[in-house]
């Protein structure tokens, strides 16, 4: 009887450990995806700053290849109360049909 109880305790312990490892792997994968998406958003924002062109308001979309994966981004440029500053929202998705972005990065571009 004691052996059966001991085996049951070991079985439950191993099941809990396997579940913890599985959750940890899922979390690591999610964090990796969001990190790459953030890099894509930062690259798009940096491109806008580096060109030093005054962006027109509106939304543009495209895709970028990073880490052997195609990332889908949208850049929305909108006016602010200050006419010499534009707000830029960069949203990055891992799938073109995905409704919610993995990352949204907001920045501002000023006119010289």
C-alpha atoms as a PDB file:
ATOM      1  CA  UNK A   1       0.000   0.000   0.000  1.00  0.00           C
ATOM      2  CA  UNK A   2       2.834   2.381   0.865  1.00  0.00           C
ATOM      3  CA  UNK A   3       4.463   1.713  -2.497  1.00  0.00           C
ATOM      4  CA  UNK A   4       1.239   2.606  -4.342  1.00  0.00           C
ATOM      5  CA  UNK A   5       0.937   5.878  -2.380  1.00  0.00           C
ATOM      6  CA  UNK A   6       4.590   6.692  -3.072  1.00  0.00           C
ATOM      7  CA  UNK A   7       4.126   6.004  -6.787  1.00  0.00           C
ATOM      8  CA  UNK A   8       1.016   8.214  -6.857  1.00  0.00           C
ATOM      9  CA  UNK A   9       2.922  11.064  -5.197  1.00  0.00           C
ATOM     10  CA  UNK A  10       5.769  10.697  -7.696  1.00  0.00           C
ATOM     11  CA  UNK A  11       3.308  10.613 -10.620  1.00  0.00           C
ATOM     12  CA  UNK A  12       1.603  13.822  -9.460  1.00  0.00           C
ATOM     13  CA  UNK A  13       4.974  15.494  -8.908  1.00  0.00           C
ATOM     14  CA  UNK A  14       6.193  14.570 -12.393  1.00  0.00           C
ATOM     15  CA  UNK A  15       2.927  15.806 -13.942  1.00  0.00           C
ATOM     16  CA  UNK A  16       3.273  19.144 -12.142  1.00  0.00           C
ATOM     17  CA  UNK A  17       6.914  19.459 -13.232  1.00  0.00           C
ATOM     18  CA  UNK A  18       6.030  18.687 -16.858  1.00  0.00           C
ATOM     19  CA  UNK A  19       3.269  21.301 -16.762  1.00  0.00           C
ATOM     20  CA  UNK A  20       5.654  23.912 -15.340  1.00  0.00           C
ATOM     21  CA  UNK A  21       8.238  23.214 -18.051  1.00  0.00           C
ATOM     22  CA  UNK A  22       5.564  23.438 -20.753  1.00  0.00           C
ATOM     23  CA  UNK A  23       4.300  26.786 -19.432  1.00  0.00           C
ATOM     24  CA  UNK A  24       7.843  28.121 -19.236  1.00  0.00           C
ATOM     25  CA  UNK A  25       8.542  27.158 -22.854  1.00  0.00           C
ATOM     26  CA  UNK A  26       5.322  28.846 -23.996  1.00  0.00           C
ATOM     27  CA  UNK A  27       6.186  32.016 -22.113  1.00  0.00           C
ATOM     28  CA  UNK A  28       9.686  32.081 -23.594  1.00  0.00           C
ATOM     29  CA  UNK A  29       8.304  31.692 -27.109  1.00  0.00           C
ATOM     30  CA  UNK A  30       5.789  34.499 -26.560  1.00  0.00           C
ATOM     31  CA  UNK A  31       8.489  36.780 -25.182  1.00  0.00           C
ATOM     32  CA  UNK A  32      10.718  36.030 -28.166  1.00  0.00           C
ATOM     33  CA  UNK A  33       7.898  36.888 -30.601  1.00  0.00           C
ATOM     34  CA  UNK A  34       7.153  40.173 -28.851  1.00  0.00           C
ATOM     35  CA  UNK A  35      10.862  41.064 -28.755  1.00  0.00           C
ATOM     36  CA  UNK A  36      11.214  40.585 -32.528  1.00  0.00           C
ATOM     37  CA  UNK A  37       8.000  42.547 -33.111  1.00  0.00           C
ATOM     38  CA  UNK A  38       9.365  45.392 -30.966  1.00  0.00           C
ATOM     39  CA  UNK A  39      12.578  45.430 -32.989  1.00  0.00           C
ATOM     40  CA  UNK A  40      10.556  45.680 -36.211  1.00  0.00           C
ATOM     41  CA  UNK A  41       8.582  48.607 -34.753  1.00  0.00           C
ATOM     42  CA  UNK A  42      11.762  50.364 -33.596  1.00  0.00           C
ATOM     43  CA  UNK A  43      13.302  49.891 -37.055  1.00  0.00           C
ATOM     44  CA  UNK A  44      10.259  51.479 -38.734  1.00  0.00           C
ATOM     45  CA  UNK A  45      10.333  54.413 -36.307  1.00  0.00           C
ATOM     46  CA  UNK A  46      14.065  54.854 -36.866  1.00  0.00           C
ATOM     47  CA  UNK A  47      13.537  54.861 -40.651  1.00  0.00           C
ATOM     48  CA  UNK A  48      11.032  57.700 -40.281  1.00  0.00           C
ATOM     49  CA  UNK A  49      13.430  59.707 -38.116  1.00  0.00           C
ATOM     50  CA  UNK A  50      16.446  59.006 -40.327  1.00  0.00           C
ATOM     51  CA  UNK A  51      14.803  60.157 -43.568  1.00  0.00           C
ATOM     52  CA  UNK A  52      14.077  63.549 -41.982  1.00  0.00           C
ATOM     53  CA  UNK A  53      11.044  63.906 -44.258  1.00  0.00           C
ATOM     54  CA  UNK A  54       7.855  65.454 -42.944  1.00  0.00           C
ATOM     55  CA  UNK A  55       5.397  62.529 -42.916  1.00  0.00           C
ATOM     56  CA  UNK A  56       1.927  63.043 -44.309  1.00  0.00           C
ATOM     57  CA  UNK A  57      -1.009  61.936 -42.183  1.00  0.00           C
ATOM     58  CA  UNK A  58      -2.587  58.575 -42.895  1.00  0.00           C
ATOM     59  CA  UNK A  59      -1.823  54.894 -42.573  1.00  0.00           C
ATOM     60  CA  UNK A  60       0.673  52.809 -44.503  1.00  0.00           C
ATOM     61  CA  UNK A  61       1.172  49.052 -44.314  1.00  0.00           C
ATOM     62  CA  UNK A  62       3.892  46.628 -45.238  1.00  0.00           C
ATOM     63  CA  UNK A  63       5.939  43.687 -44.123  1.00  0.00           C
ATOM     64  CA  UNK A  64       9.485  43.067 -42.991  1.00  0.00           C
ATOM     65  CA  UNK A  65      11.534  39.892 -42.804  1.00  0.00           C
ATOM     66  CA  UNK A  66      13.304  39.389 -39.476  1.00  0.00           C
ATOM     67  CA  UNK A  67      14.591  36.184 -37.902  1.00  0.00           C
ATOM     68  CA  UNK A  68      13.292  34.131 -40.848  1.00  0.00           C
ATOM     69  CA  UNK A  69       9.757  35.344 -40.190  1.00  0.00           C
ATOM     70  CA  UNK A  70       7.615  37.858 -42.049  1.00  0.00           C
ATOM     71  CA  UNK A  71       6.255  40.574 -39.741  1.00  0.00           C
ATOM     72  CA  UNK A  72       3.341  42.756 -40.789  1.00  0.00           C
ATOM     73  CA  UNK A  73       3.406  46.408 -39.718  1.00  0.00           C
ATOM     74  CA  UNK A  74       1.193  49.435 -40.059  1.00  0.00           C
ATOM     75  CA  UNK A  75       2.276  53.031 -39.505  1.00  0.00           C
ATOM     76  CA  UNK A  76      -0.394  55.573 -38.629  1.00  0.00           C
ATOM     77  CA  UNK A  77       0.672  59.239 -38.763  1.00  0.00           C
ATOM     78  CA  UNK A  78      -1.692  61.742 -37.173  1.00  0.00           C
ATOM     79  CA  UNK A  79      -1.705  65.442 -36.382  1.00  0.00           C
ATOM     80  CA  UNK A  80      -1.119  66.861 -32.911  1.00  0.00           C
ATOM     81  CA  UNK A  81      -2.202  70.191 -31.405  1.00  0.00           C
ATOM     82  CA  UNK A  82       1.261  71.501 -32.328  1.00  0.00           C
ATOM     83  CA  UNK A  83       1.364  71.822 -36.121  1.00  0.00           C
ATOM     84  CA  UNK A  84       5.109  71.157 -36.195  1.00  0.00           C
ATOM     85  CA  UNK A  85       4.801  67.747 -34.506  1.00  0.00           C
ATOM     86  CA  UNK A  86       3.250  64.537 -35.828  1.00  0.00           C
ATOM     87  CA  UNK A  87       2.305  61.475 -33.812  1.00  0.00           C
ATOM     88  CA  UNK A  88       3.402  58.120 -35.215  1.00  0.00           C
ATOM     89  CA  UNK A  89       1.923  54.780 -34.107  1.00  0.00           C
ATOM     90  CA  UNK A  90       3.668  51.647 -35.366  1.00  0.00           C
ATOM     91  CA  UNK A  91       1.776  48.381 -34.894  1.00  0.00           C
ATOM     92  CA  UNK A  92       3.387  44.999 -35.608  1.00  0.00           C
ATOM     93  CA  UNK A  93       1.623  41.663 -36.070  1.00  0.00           C
ATOM     94  CA  UNK A  94       3.027  38.193 -36.620  1.00  0.00           C
ATOM     95  CA  UNK A  95       0.138  37.287 -38.937  1.00  0.00           C
ATOM     96  CA  UNK A  96      -1.417  39.569 -41.546  1.00  0.00           C
ATOM     97  CA  UNK A  97      -4.950  38.582 -40.509  1.00  0.00           C
ATOM     98  CA  UNK A  98      -4.328  38.998 -36.780  1.00  0.00           C
ATOM     99  CA  UNK A  99      -6.564  41.687 -35.273  1.00  0.00           C
ATOM    100  CA  UNK A 100      -4.490  42.600 -32.222  1.00  0.00           C
ATOM    101  CA  UNK A 101      -0.857  43.655 -32.664  1.00  0.00           C
ATOM    102  CA  UNK A 102       1.943  42.078 -30.657  1.00  0.00           C
ATOM    103  CA  UNK A 103       3.511  45.513 -30.217  1.00  0.00           C
ATOM    104  CA  UNK A 104       2.385  49.117 -30.560  1.00  0.00           C
ATOM    105  CA  UNK A 105       5.126  51.743 -30.502  1.00  0.00           C
ATOM    106  CA  UNK A 106       4.240  55.441 -30.344  1.00  0.00           C
ATOM    107  CA  UNK A 107       6.625  58.253 -31.179  1.00  0.00           C
ATOM    108  CA  UNK A 108       6.675  61.837 -32.384  1.00  0.00           C
ATOM    109  CA  UNK A 109       8.389  63.510 -35.320  1.00  0.00           C
ATOM    110  CA  UNK A 110       9.084  67.231 -35.368  1.00  0.00           C
ATOM    111  CA  UNK A 111       9.407  69.518 -38.344  1.00  0.00           C
ATOM    112  CA  UNK A 112      12.683  71.410 -38.625  1.00  0.00           C
END
